[in-house]
């Protein structure tokens, strides 16, 4: 019997559990679990095999097309939480989404590393709210919610390294209960952030 796989945004460091915003999903799909297990075994043996495809898994290296597809195929709304904003392709696509009428909202923890990209996003129509690095909540999550009906959570940051070089794992989501929970949590984080 296969056990579920936990696909998550958090690290196994308990000191962060009380303050970090993170998400995790138990994936019970036997095909997904088999692919995840096989990929882990390949990585453990330092194999250079590319992960097998599964309909809803998003692997890095190579996650950029799936992330950009969620952004570029949105028509009404995008809710985003991410730890990093360090990839001009994502920044430009978020601005393009806003310019075509999508309500784009981003919540992050502020860092001067992302200031240049924040200065591009806001005039481009993207609404950004941040938490101070010293705040009681640190946004470590990597989440996209498009139209309230398509979602993503995973370990991928918005950086070229995370999307195209590192081994990372995420999952595309359509379950209404999970998406409803993500939307509710996002709204809570949005309300607590500073424009």
N, C-alpha and C. Protein backbone atom coordinates (compact mmCIF):
# COMPACT_ATOMS: atom_id res chain seq x y z
N UNK A 1 0.84 -1.19 0.00
CA UNK A 1 0.00 0.00 0.00
C UNK A 1 0.88 1.24 0.00
N UNK A 2 0.64 2.13 -0.96
CA UNK A 2 1.38 3.37 -1.01
C UNK A 2 0.84 4.35 0.03
N UNK A 3 1.74 5.02 0.69
CA UNK A 3 1.33 6.08 1.62
C UNK A 3 1.31 7.39 0.86
N UNK A 4 0.55 8.38 1.32
CA UNK A 4 0.52 9.67 0.62
C UNK A 4 1.88 10.35 0.63
N UNK A 5 2.09 11.21 -0.33
CA UNK A 5 3.28 12.05 -0.37
C UNK A 5 2.89 13.44 0.11
N UNK A 6 3.73 14.04 0.92
CA UNK A 6 3.50 15.40 1.38
C UNK A 6 4.26 16.36 0.48
N UNK A 7 3.53 17.18 -0.26
CA UNK A 7 4.14 18.21 -1.10
C UNK A 7 3.95 19.52 -0.36
N UNK A 8 5.06 20.22 -0.09
CA UNK A 8 4.97 21.32 0.87
C UNK A 8 5.87 22.48 0.49
N UNK A 9 5.59 23.59 1.16
CA UNK A 9 6.42 24.77 0.99
C UNK A 9 7.36 24.96 2.18
N UNK A 10 7.13 24.23 3.26
CA UNK A 10 7.92 24.47 4.47
C UNK A 10 9.13 23.57 4.57
N UNK A 11 10.06 23.99 5.40
CA UNK A 11 11.27 23.23 5.67
C UNK A 11 11.07 22.42 6.95
N UNK A 12 11.87 21.39 7.12
CA UNK A 12 11.80 20.59 8.34
C UNK A 12 12.62 21.23 9.46
N UNK A 13 12.25 22.44 9.83
CA UNK A 13 12.92 23.17 10.89
C UNK A 13 11.87 23.71 11.83
N UNK A 14 11.61 23.04 12.95
CA UNK A 14 10.49 23.41 13.83
C UNK A 14 10.50 24.84 14.32
N UNK A 15 11.66 25.47 14.41
CA UNK A 15 11.70 26.85 14.93
C UNK A 15 10.87 27.81 14.09
N UNK A 16 10.60 27.46 12.83
CA UNK A 16 9.85 28.35 11.95
C UNK A 16 8.34 28.07 11.93
N UNK A 17 7.92 26.95 12.51
CA UNK A 17 6.53 26.53 12.36
C UNK A 17 5.52 27.52 12.92
N UNK A 18 5.85 28.20 14.00
CA UNK A 18 4.87 29.09 14.62
C UNK A 18 4.76 30.43 13.91
N UNK A 19 5.75 30.83 13.12
CA UNK A 19 5.75 32.16 12.53
C UNK A 19 5.65 32.17 11.01
N UNK A 20 6.10 31.13 10.34
CA UNK A 20 6.12 31.13 8.88
C UNK A 20 4.76 30.79 8.30
N UNK A 21 4.43 31.45 7.18
CA UNK A 21 3.27 31.03 6.38
C UNK A 21 3.75 30.01 5.38
N UNK A 22 3.23 28.81 5.49
CA UNK A 22 3.58 27.73 4.59
C UNK A 22 2.33 26.90 4.30
N UNK A 23 2.41 26.08 3.27
CA UNK A 23 1.31 25.20 2.89
C UNK A 23 1.86 23.80 2.63
N UNK A 24 1.01 22.80 2.82
CA UNK A 24 1.33 21.43 2.48
C UNK A 24 0.08 20.71 2.02
N UNK A 25 0.24 19.79 1.09
CA UNK A 25 -0.87 19.00 0.57
C UNK A 25 -0.45 17.54 0.58
N UNK A 26 -1.33 16.69 1.13
CA UNK A 26 -1.11 15.25 1.04
C UNK A 26 -1.62 14.77 -0.31
N UNK A 27 -0.72 14.26 -1.11
CA UNK A 27 -1.08 13.75 -2.44
C UNK A 27 -1.28 12.24 -2.31
N UNK A 28 -2.51 11.78 -2.51
CA UNK A 28 -2.85 10.37 -2.37
C UNK A 28 -2.96 9.65 -3.71
N UNK A 29 -2.67 10.36 -4.79
CA UNK A 29 -2.74 9.75 -6.11
C UNK A 29 -1.60 8.74 -6.27
N UNK A 30 -1.91 7.44 -6.44
CA UNK A 30 -0.85 6.42 -6.52
C UNK A 30 0.18 6.70 -7.63
N UNK A 31 -0.27 7.22 -8.76
CA UNK A 31 0.67 7.52 -9.85
C UNK A 31 1.65 8.61 -9.43
N UNK A 32 1.13 9.67 -8.77
CA UNK A 32 2.01 10.74 -8.29
C UNK A 32 3.01 10.21 -7.28
N UNK A 33 2.51 9.44 -6.31
CA UNK A 33 3.37 8.92 -5.24
C UNK A 33 4.48 8.05 -5.83
N UNK A 34 4.14 7.24 -6.81
CA UNK A 34 5.15 6.38 -7.45
C UNK A 34 6.22 7.21 -8.14
N UNK A 35 5.79 8.27 -8.85
CA UNK A 35 6.75 9.14 -9.54
C UNK A 35 7.64 9.86 -8.52
N UNK A 36 7.04 10.34 -7.45
CA UNK A 36 7.82 11.04 -6.42
C UNK A 36 8.84 10.10 -5.80
N UNK A 37 8.41 8.88 -5.49
CA UNK A 37 9.33 7.90 -4.89
C UNK A 37 10.46 7.56 -5.86
N UNK A 38 10.14 7.34 -7.12
CA UNK A 38 11.17 7.00 -8.11
C UNK A 38 12.16 8.15 -8.29
N UNK A 39 11.65 9.37 -8.28
CA UNK A 39 12.53 10.53 -8.43
C UNK A 39 13.43 10.68 -7.22
N UNK A 40 12.87 10.48 -6.03
CA UNK A 40 13.70 10.52 -4.82
C UNK A 40 14.82 9.49 -4.90
N UNK A 41 14.46 8.27 -5.30
CA UNK A 41 15.48 7.23 -5.40
C UNK A 41 16.55 7.58 -6.42
N UNK A 42 16.17 8.15 -7.56
CA UNK A 42 17.15 8.58 -8.55
C UNK A 42 18.06 9.66 -7.98
N UNK A 43 17.45 10.64 -7.29
CA UNK A 43 18.24 11.72 -6.71
C UNK A 43 19.19 11.18 -5.63
N UNK A 44 18.70 10.23 -4.84
CA UNK A 44 19.51 9.64 -3.78
C UNK A 44 20.75 8.97 -4.37
N UNK A 45 20.58 8.35 -5.54
CA UNK A 45 21.68 7.67 -6.20
C UNK A 45 22.45 8.58 -7.15
N UNK A 46 22.14 9.88 -7.09
CA UNK A 46 22.79 10.89 -7.93
C UNK A 46 22.64 10.57 -9.41
N UNK A 47 21.48 10.02 -9.76
CA UNK A 47 21.17 9.73 -11.16
C UNK A 47 20.76 11.03 -11.84
N UNK A 48 21.00 11.13 -13.10
CA UNK A 48 20.63 12.34 -13.86
C UNK A 48 19.31 12.15 -14.59
N UNK A 49 18.54 11.12 -14.22
CA UNK A 49 17.26 10.87 -14.88
C UNK A 49 16.30 12.03 -14.65
N UNK A 50 15.54 12.31 -15.68
CA UNK A 50 14.48 13.32 -15.57
C UNK A 50 13.25 12.65 -14.96
N UNK A 51 12.55 13.34 -14.02
CA UNK A 51 11.37 12.72 -13.42
C UNK A 51 10.34 12.32 -14.47
N UNK A 52 9.67 11.21 -14.20
CA UNK A 52 8.56 10.81 -15.07
C UNK A 52 7.46 11.85 -14.97
N UNK A 53 6.69 11.96 -16.03
CA UNK A 53 5.61 12.93 -16.04
C UNK A 53 4.43 12.42 -15.23
N UNK A 54 3.77 13.33 -14.57
CA UNK A 54 2.50 13.07 -13.90
C UNK A 54 1.66 14.31 -14.16
N UNK A 55 0.37 14.12 -14.34
CA UNK A 55 -0.50 15.21 -14.79
C UNK A 55 -0.42 16.46 -13.94
N UNK A 56 -0.29 16.31 -12.63
CA UNK A 56 -0.40 17.47 -11.77
C UNK A 56 0.87 17.82 -11.00
N UNK A 57 1.95 17.09 -11.22
CA UNK A 57 3.21 17.41 -10.53
C UNK A 57 4.00 18.42 -11.36
N UNK A 58 4.66 19.32 -10.66
CA UNK A 58 5.48 20.35 -11.30
C UNK A 58 6.90 20.21 -10.74
N UNK A 59 7.81 19.74 -11.59
CA UNK A 59 9.18 19.49 -11.16
C UNK A 59 10.11 20.62 -11.61
N UNK A 60 11.07 20.92 -10.77
CA UNK A 60 12.23 21.70 -11.18
C UNK A 60 13.41 20.75 -11.13
N UNK A 61 14.35 20.90 -12.06
CA UNK A 61 14.38 21.87 -13.15
C UNK A 61 13.20 21.69 -14.11
N UNK A 62 12.80 22.81 -14.68
CA UNK A 62 11.77 22.77 -15.71
C UNK A 62 10.39 23.22 -15.27
N UNK A 63 10.27 23.89 -14.12
CA UNK A 63 8.95 24.31 -13.63
C UNK A 63 8.44 25.59 -14.27
N UNK A 64 9.31 26.33 -14.92
CA UNK A 64 8.91 27.63 -15.47
C UNK A 64 7.67 27.58 -16.36
N UNK A 65 7.55 26.64 -17.32
CA UNK A 65 6.36 26.66 -18.17
C UNK A 65 5.04 26.51 -17.39
N UNK A 66 5.01 25.65 -16.39
CA UNK A 66 3.77 25.45 -15.62
C UNK A 66 3.41 26.69 -14.82
N UNK A 67 4.40 27.32 -14.21
CA UNK A 67 4.15 28.53 -13.41
C UNK A 67 3.67 29.66 -14.32
N UNK A 68 4.35 29.86 -15.45
CA UNK A 68 3.96 30.92 -16.38
C UNK A 68 2.60 30.64 -17.01
N UNK A 69 2.28 29.38 -17.23
CA UNK A 69 0.98 29.03 -17.80
C UNK A 69 -0.16 29.44 -16.86
N UNK A 70 0.01 29.21 -15.57
CA UNK A 70 -1.01 29.64 -14.61
C UNK A 70 -1.20 31.16 -14.66
N UNK A 71 -0.09 31.88 -14.72
CA UNK A 71 -0.16 33.34 -14.77
C UNK A 71 -0.77 33.82 -16.08
N UNK A 72 -0.28 33.27 -17.18
CA UNK A 72 -0.67 33.77 -18.50
C UNK A 72 -2.06 33.33 -18.95
N UNK A 73 -2.61 32.29 -18.33
CA UNK A 73 -3.94 31.83 -18.69
C UNK A 73 -5.01 32.33 -17.72
N UNK A 74 -4.63 33.22 -16.84
CA UNK A 74 -5.62 33.79 -15.92
C UNK A 74 -6.36 34.93 -16.63
N UNK A 75 -7.63 35.12 -16.24
CA UNK A 75 -8.45 36.15 -16.87
C UNK A 75 -9.06 37.12 -15.87
N UNK A 76 -9.23 36.66 -14.62
CA UNK A 76 -9.91 37.51 -13.63
C UNK A 76 -9.03 37.85 -12.44
N UNK A 77 -8.45 36.81 -11.81
CA UNK A 77 -7.72 37.09 -10.57
C UNK A 77 -6.54 36.14 -10.39
N UNK A 78 -5.52 36.67 -9.75
CA UNK A 78 -4.34 35.90 -9.34
C UNK A 78 -4.00 36.30 -7.91
N UNK A 79 -3.99 35.34 -7.01
CA UNK A 79 -3.50 35.56 -5.65
C UNK A 79 -2.18 34.81 -5.55
N UNK A 80 -1.15 35.50 -5.07
CA UNK A 80 0.18 34.90 -5.05
C UNK A 80 0.85 35.17 -3.71
N UNK A 81 1.47 34.13 -3.16
CA UNK A 81 2.39 34.26 -2.04
C UNK A 81 3.69 33.60 -2.47
N UNK A 82 4.80 34.27 -2.24
CA UNK A 82 6.09 33.71 -2.58
C UNK A 82 7.16 34.33 -1.70
N UNK A 83 8.24 33.60 -1.50
CA UNK A 83 9.31 34.11 -0.66
C UNK A 83 10.25 35.03 -1.43
N UNK A 84 10.40 34.79 -2.73
CA UNK A 84 11.35 35.57 -3.53
C UNK A 84 10.65 36.16 -4.75
N UNK A 85 11.14 37.31 -5.17
CA UNK A 85 10.66 37.93 -6.42
C UNK A 85 11.93 38.33 -7.16
N UNK A 86 12.53 37.34 -7.81
CA UNK A 86 13.87 37.55 -8.37
C UNK A 86 13.99 37.09 -9.81
N UNK A 87 12.88 37.07 -10.55
CA UNK A 87 12.93 36.56 -11.91
C UNK A 87 12.13 37.49 -12.81
N UNK A 88 12.81 38.16 -13.72
CA UNK A 88 12.16 39.18 -14.54
C UNK A 88 11.04 38.60 -15.41
N UNK A 89 11.16 37.36 -15.83
CA UNK A 89 10.11 36.75 -16.66
C UNK A 89 8.80 36.70 -15.88
N UNK A 90 8.85 36.26 -14.63
CA UNK A 90 7.65 36.20 -13.80
C UNK A 90 7.11 37.61 -13.56
N UNK A 91 8.01 38.55 -13.22
CA UNK A 91 7.60 39.94 -12.98
C UNK A 91 6.89 40.50 -14.21
N UNK A 92 7.49 40.32 -15.37
CA UNK A 92 6.89 40.85 -16.61
C UNK A 92 5.54 40.20 -16.91
N UNK A 93 5.41 38.90 -16.65
CA UNK A 93 4.14 38.22 -16.92
C UNK A 93 3.06 38.63 -15.94
N UNK A 94 3.44 38.93 -14.69
CA UNK A 94 2.46 39.44 -13.72
C UNK A 94 1.97 40.82 -14.15
N UNK A 95 2.87 41.66 -14.63
CA UNK A 95 2.48 42.98 -15.11
C UNK A 95 1.58 42.85 -16.34
N UNK A 96 1.93 41.96 -17.25
CA UNK A 96 1.11 41.74 -18.46
C UNK A 96 -0.28 41.25 -18.08
N UNK A 97 -0.37 40.38 -17.07
CA UNK A 97 -1.68 39.90 -16.61
C UNK A 97 -2.50 41.07 -16.08
N UNK A 98 -1.88 41.93 -15.29
CA UNK A 98 -2.58 43.09 -14.75
C UNK A 98 -3.07 44.00 -15.88
N UNK A 99 -2.23 44.20 -16.88
CA UNK A 99 -2.60 45.09 -17.99
C UNK A 99 -3.73 44.52 -18.85
N UNK A 100 -3.93 43.21 -18.83
CA UNK A 100 -5.05 42.65 -19.58
C UNK A 100 -6.30 42.53 -18.71
N UNK A 101 -6.25 43.11 -17.50
CA UNK A 101 -7.44 43.19 -16.66
C UNK A 101 -7.53 42.21 -15.53
N UNK A 102 -6.48 41.42 -15.30
CA UNK A 102 -6.48 40.47 -14.20
C UNK A 102 -6.15 41.22 -12.90
N UNK A 103 -6.92 40.97 -11.85
CA UNK A 103 -6.62 41.54 -10.53
C UNK A 103 -5.51 40.70 -9.90
N UNK A 104 -4.28 41.23 -9.93
CA UNK A 104 -3.12 40.50 -9.43
C UNK A 104 -2.75 41.04 -8.06
N UNK A 105 -2.75 40.15 -7.07
CA UNK A 105 -2.39 40.51 -5.70
C UNK A 105 -1.26 39.61 -5.23
N UNK A 106 -0.21 40.22 -4.68
CA UNK A 106 0.97 39.48 -4.23
C UNK A 106 1.23 39.82 -2.77
N UNK A 107 1.46 38.79 -1.96
CA UNK A 107 1.85 38.97 -0.56
C UNK A 107 3.21 38.32 -0.35
N UNK A 108 4.12 39.09 0.24
CA UNK A 108 5.48 38.59 0.50
C UNK A 108 6.01 39.21 1.78
N UNK A 109 7.11 38.69 2.26
CA UNK A 109 7.89 39.37 3.29
C UNK A 109 8.84 40.30 2.57
N UNK A 110 8.92 41.55 3.05
CA UNK A 110 9.75 42.54 2.37
C UNK A 110 11.23 42.22 2.52
N UNK A 111 11.96 42.39 1.44
CA UNK A 111 13.42 42.34 1.45
C UNK A 111 13.90 43.35 0.42
N UNK A 112 14.98 44.04 0.75
CA UNK A 112 15.54 45.01 -0.21
C UNK A 112 15.99 44.32 -1.49
N UNK A 113 16.22 43.01 -1.43
CA UNK A 113 16.60 42.25 -2.63
C UNK A 113 15.51 42.30 -3.70
N UNK A 114 14.24 42.45 -3.27
CA UNK A 114 13.13 42.44 -4.22
C UNK A 114 12.63 43.85 -4.53
N UNK A 115 13.26 44.87 -3.96
CA UNK A 115 12.77 46.25 -4.10
C UNK A 115 12.68 46.69 -5.57
N UNK A 116 13.65 46.35 -6.37
CA UNK A 116 13.63 46.74 -7.78
C UNK A 116 12.42 46.15 -8.49
N UNK A 117 12.13 44.87 -8.20
CA UNK A 117 10.98 44.23 -8.82
C UNK A 117 9.66 44.77 -8.28
N UNK A 118 9.61 45.10 -6.99
CA UNK A 118 8.41 45.73 -6.43
C UNK A 118 8.14 47.06 -7.14
N UNK A 119 9.23 47.80 -7.45
CA UNK A 119 9.08 49.10 -8.11
C UNK A 119 8.61 48.95 -9.56
N UNK A 120 8.76 47.78 -10.13
CA UNK A 120 8.22 47.50 -11.46
C UNK A 120 6.76 47.02 -11.37
N UNK A 121 6.50 46.18 -10.38
CA UNK A 121 5.17 45.57 -10.25
C UNK A 121 4.09 46.60 -9.95
N UNK A 122 4.34 47.48 -8.97
CA UNK A 122 3.28 48.41 -8.54
C UNK A 122 2.84 49.37 -9.63
N UNK A 123 3.74 50.04 -10.33
CA UNK A 123 3.26 50.89 -11.42
C UNK A 123 2.64 50.09 -12.56
N UNK A 124 2.97 48.79 -12.62
CA UNK A 124 2.40 47.93 -13.64
C UNK A 124 1.01 47.44 -13.29
N UNK A 125 0.47 47.90 -12.16
CA UNK A 125 -0.88 47.56 -11.78
C UNK A 125 -1.02 46.39 -10.82
N UNK A 126 0.09 45.76 -10.47
CA UNK A 126 0.07 44.64 -9.53
C UNK A 126 -0.01 45.20 -8.11
N UNK A 127 -0.96 44.69 -7.34
CA UNK A 127 -1.10 45.11 -5.93
C UNK A 127 -0.18 44.24 -5.09
N UNK A 128 0.70 44.89 -4.34
CA UNK A 128 1.68 44.16 -3.51
C UNK A 128 1.52 44.59 -2.07
N UNK A 129 1.47 43.61 -1.19
CA UNK A 129 1.50 43.87 0.25
C UNK A 129 2.62 43.03 0.85
N UNK A 130 3.31 43.62 1.80
CA UNK A 130 4.45 42.93 2.40
C UNK A 130 4.36 42.94 3.92
N UNK A 131 5.11 42.04 4.50
CA UNK A 131 5.34 42.00 5.94
C UNK A 131 6.79 42.40 6.17
N UNK A 132 7.03 43.15 7.24
CA UNK A 132 8.41 43.48 7.60
C UNK A 132 9.14 42.20 7.99
N UNK A 133 10.43 42.17 7.74
CA UNK A 133 11.21 40.98 8.09
C UNK A 133 11.12 40.69 9.59
N UNK A 134 10.85 41.72 10.38
CA UNK A 134 10.76 41.55 11.83
C UNK A 134 9.34 41.21 12.30
N UNK A 135 8.39 41.09 11.37
CA UNK A 135 7.00 40.83 11.74
C UNK A 135 6.83 39.43 12.31
N UNK A 136 5.70 39.21 12.97
CA UNK A 136 5.44 37.90 13.56
C UNK A 136 5.11 36.85 12.49
N UNK A 137 4.79 37.29 11.28
CA UNK A 137 4.51 36.34 10.20
C UNK A 137 5.56 36.52 9.11
N UNK A 138 6.15 35.42 8.70
CA UNK A 138 7.11 35.42 7.60
C UNK A 138 6.50 34.61 6.46
N UNK A 139 6.42 35.22 5.27
CA UNK A 139 5.84 34.53 4.11
C UNK A 139 6.92 33.68 3.45
N UNK A 140 6.85 32.40 3.74
CA UNK A 140 7.76 31.43 3.15
C UNK A 140 7.04 30.61 2.08
N UNK A 141 5.72 30.72 2.02
CA UNK A 141 4.89 29.93 1.10
C UNK A 141 5.19 30.26 -0.36
N UNK A 142 4.91 29.28 -1.19
CA UNK A 142 4.97 29.46 -2.64
C UNK A 142 3.63 28.97 -3.17
N UNK A 143 2.73 29.91 -3.45
CA UNK A 143 1.36 29.57 -3.79
C UNK A 143 0.85 30.50 -4.86
N UNK A 144 0.11 29.93 -5.82
CA UNK A 144 -0.60 30.70 -6.84
C UNK A 144 -2.04 30.20 -6.85
N UNK A 145 -2.97 31.12 -6.84
CA UNK A 145 -4.38 30.78 -6.97
C UNK A 145 -4.93 31.62 -8.12
N UNK A 146 -5.32 30.95 -9.20
CA UNK A 146 -5.80 31.62 -10.41
C UNK A 146 -7.30 31.40 -10.54
N UNK A 147 -8.04 32.49 -10.60
CA UNK A 147 -9.49 32.49 -10.79
C UNK A 147 -10.24 31.78 -9.67
N UNK A 148 -9.54 31.35 -8.63
CA UNK A 148 -10.17 30.59 -7.57
C UNK A 148 -10.44 29.14 -7.95
N UNK A 149 -10.04 28.73 -9.16
CA UNK A 149 -10.33 27.36 -9.61
C UNK A 149 -9.08 26.55 -9.99
N UNK A 150 -7.94 27.20 -10.10
CA UNK A 150 -6.68 26.53 -10.39
C UNK A 150 -5.64 27.03 -9.40
N UNK A 151 -4.88 26.11 -8.85
CA UNK A 151 -3.89 26.52 -7.86
C UNK A 151 -2.59 25.77 -8.02
N UNK A 152 -1.61 26.25 -7.30
CA UNK A 152 -0.29 25.63 -7.26
C UNK A 152 0.29 25.86 -5.88
N UNK A 153 0.87 24.84 -5.29
CA UNK A 153 1.77 25.02 -4.16
C UNK A 153 2.97 24.14 -4.39
N UNK A 154 4.10 24.57 -3.88
CA UNK A 154 5.32 23.79 -4.04
C UNK A 154 6.48 24.51 -3.39
N UNK A 155 7.66 24.03 -3.68
CA UNK A 155 8.86 24.61 -3.09
C UNK A 155 9.51 25.65 -3.98
N UNK A 156 8.96 25.89 -5.19
CA UNK A 156 9.60 26.78 -6.15
C UNK A 156 9.40 28.26 -5.81
N UNK A 157 10.52 28.96 -5.64
CA UNK A 157 10.51 30.42 -5.53
C UNK A 157 10.46 31.02 -6.93
N UNK A 158 10.15 32.31 -6.99
CA UNK A 158 10.20 33.02 -8.26
C UNK A 158 11.64 33.47 -8.52
N UNK A 159 12.47 32.51 -8.86
CA UNK A 159 13.86 32.78 -9.24
C UNK A 159 14.24 31.80 -10.33
N UNK A 160 15.17 32.20 -11.18
CA UNK A 160 15.61 31.32 -12.26
C UNK A 160 16.21 30.04 -11.70
N UNK A 161 16.95 30.15 -10.61
CA UNK A 161 17.59 28.98 -10.01
C UNK A 161 16.54 27.99 -9.52
N UNK A 162 15.55 28.48 -8.81
CA UNK A 162 14.53 27.60 -8.25
C UNK A 162 13.68 26.95 -9.33
N UNK A 163 13.32 27.71 -10.36
CA UNK A 163 12.46 27.18 -11.41
C UNK A 163 13.20 26.28 -12.40
N UNK A 164 14.46 26.59 -12.67
CA UNK A 164 15.14 25.94 -13.79
C UNK A 164 16.39 25.14 -13.44
N UNK A 165 16.88 25.23 -12.20
CA UNK A 165 18.13 24.53 -11.85
C UNK A 165 17.98 23.55 -10.69
N UNK A 166 17.39 24.00 -9.58
CA UNK A 166 17.28 23.16 -8.38
C UNK A 166 16.32 22.00 -8.60
N UNK A 167 16.45 20.98 -7.76
CA UNK A 167 15.39 19.96 -7.68
C UNK A 167 14.32 20.50 -6.74
N UNK A 168 13.15 20.74 -7.26
CA UNK A 168 12.01 21.26 -6.50
C UNK A 168 10.78 20.50 -6.95
N UNK A 169 9.75 20.54 -6.11
CA UNK A 169 8.50 19.84 -6.44
C UNK A 169 7.30 20.69 -6.03
N UNK A 170 6.34 20.75 -6.93
CA UNK A 170 5.07 21.41 -6.65
C UNK A 170 3.94 20.60 -7.23
N UNK A 171 2.72 21.05 -6.97
CA UNK A 171 1.55 20.34 -7.47
C UNK A 171 0.50 21.34 -7.93
N UNK A 172 -0.14 21.04 -9.05
CA UNK A 172 -1.27 21.82 -9.55
C UNK A 172 -2.53 21.30 -8.89
N UNK A 173 -3.39 22.20 -8.48
CA UNK A 173 -4.56 21.85 -7.68
C UNK A 173 -5.85 22.35 -8.30
N UNK A 174 -6.90 21.52 -8.21
CA UNK A 174 -8.23 21.94 -8.65
C UNK A 174 -9.31 21.58 -7.63
N UNK A 175 -8.95 20.92 -6.55
CA UNK A 175 -9.93 20.52 -5.54
C UNK A 175 -10.54 21.76 -4.89
N UNK A 176 -11.87 21.93 -4.97
CA UNK A 176 -12.51 23.15 -4.45
C UNK A 176 -12.27 23.38 -2.96
N UNK A 177 -12.21 22.31 -2.16
CA UNK A 177 -11.98 22.49 -0.73
C UNK A 177 -10.58 23.03 -0.45
N UNK A 178 -9.60 22.48 -1.13
CA UNK A 178 -8.22 22.95 -0.94
C UNK A 178 -8.10 24.40 -1.44
N UNK A 179 -8.65 24.67 -2.62
CA UNK A 179 -8.57 26.02 -3.17
C UNK A 179 -9.30 27.03 -2.28
N UNK A 180 -10.42 26.63 -1.70
CA UNK A 180 -11.14 27.51 -0.78
C UNK A 180 -10.31 27.83 0.45
N UNK A 181 -9.61 26.84 0.96
CA UNK A 181 -8.73 27.05 2.12
C UNK A 181 -7.57 27.97 1.76
N UNK A 182 -6.99 27.78 0.56
CA UNK A 182 -5.91 28.67 0.12
C UNK A 182 -6.40 30.11 -0.01
N UNK A 183 -7.59 30.29 -0.57
CA UNK A 183 -8.15 31.64 -0.74
C UNK A 183 -8.39 32.30 0.60
N UNK A 184 -8.92 31.55 1.55
CA UNK A 184 -9.20 32.09 2.88
C UNK A 184 -7.91 32.51 3.58
N UNK A 185 -6.89 31.67 3.49
CA UNK A 185 -5.60 31.98 4.11
C UNK A 185 -4.96 33.18 3.42
N UNK A 186 -5.04 33.22 2.10
CA UNK A 186 -4.48 34.35 1.36
C UNK A 186 -5.14 35.66 1.82
N UNK A 187 -6.45 35.66 1.94
CA UNK A 187 -7.16 36.89 2.35
C UNK A 187 -6.73 37.34 3.74
N UNK A 188 -6.49 36.40 4.63
CA UNK A 188 -6.00 36.73 5.97
C UNK A 188 -4.61 37.38 5.88
N UNK A 189 -3.74 36.79 5.06
CA UNK A 189 -2.38 37.33 4.91
C UNK A 189 -2.43 38.70 4.21
N UNK A 190 -3.30 38.82 3.22
CA UNK A 190 -3.45 40.10 2.50
C UNK A 190 -3.88 41.19 3.47
N UNK A 191 -4.84 40.88 4.30
CA UNK A 191 -5.36 41.87 5.26
C UNK A 191 -4.28 42.31 6.25
N UNK A 192 -3.35 41.43 6.57
CA UNK A 192 -2.32 41.77 7.54
C UNK A 192 -1.09 42.43 6.96
N UNK A 193 -0.98 42.45 5.61
CA UNK A 193 0.20 43.02 4.97
C UNK A 193 0.09 44.53 4.81
N UNK A 194 1.21 45.16 4.53
CA UNK A 194 1.27 46.60 4.31
C UNK A 194 1.43 46.89 2.83
N UNK A 195 0.56 47.77 2.26
CA UNK A 195 0.71 48.10 0.83
C UNK A 195 2.05 48.75 0.53
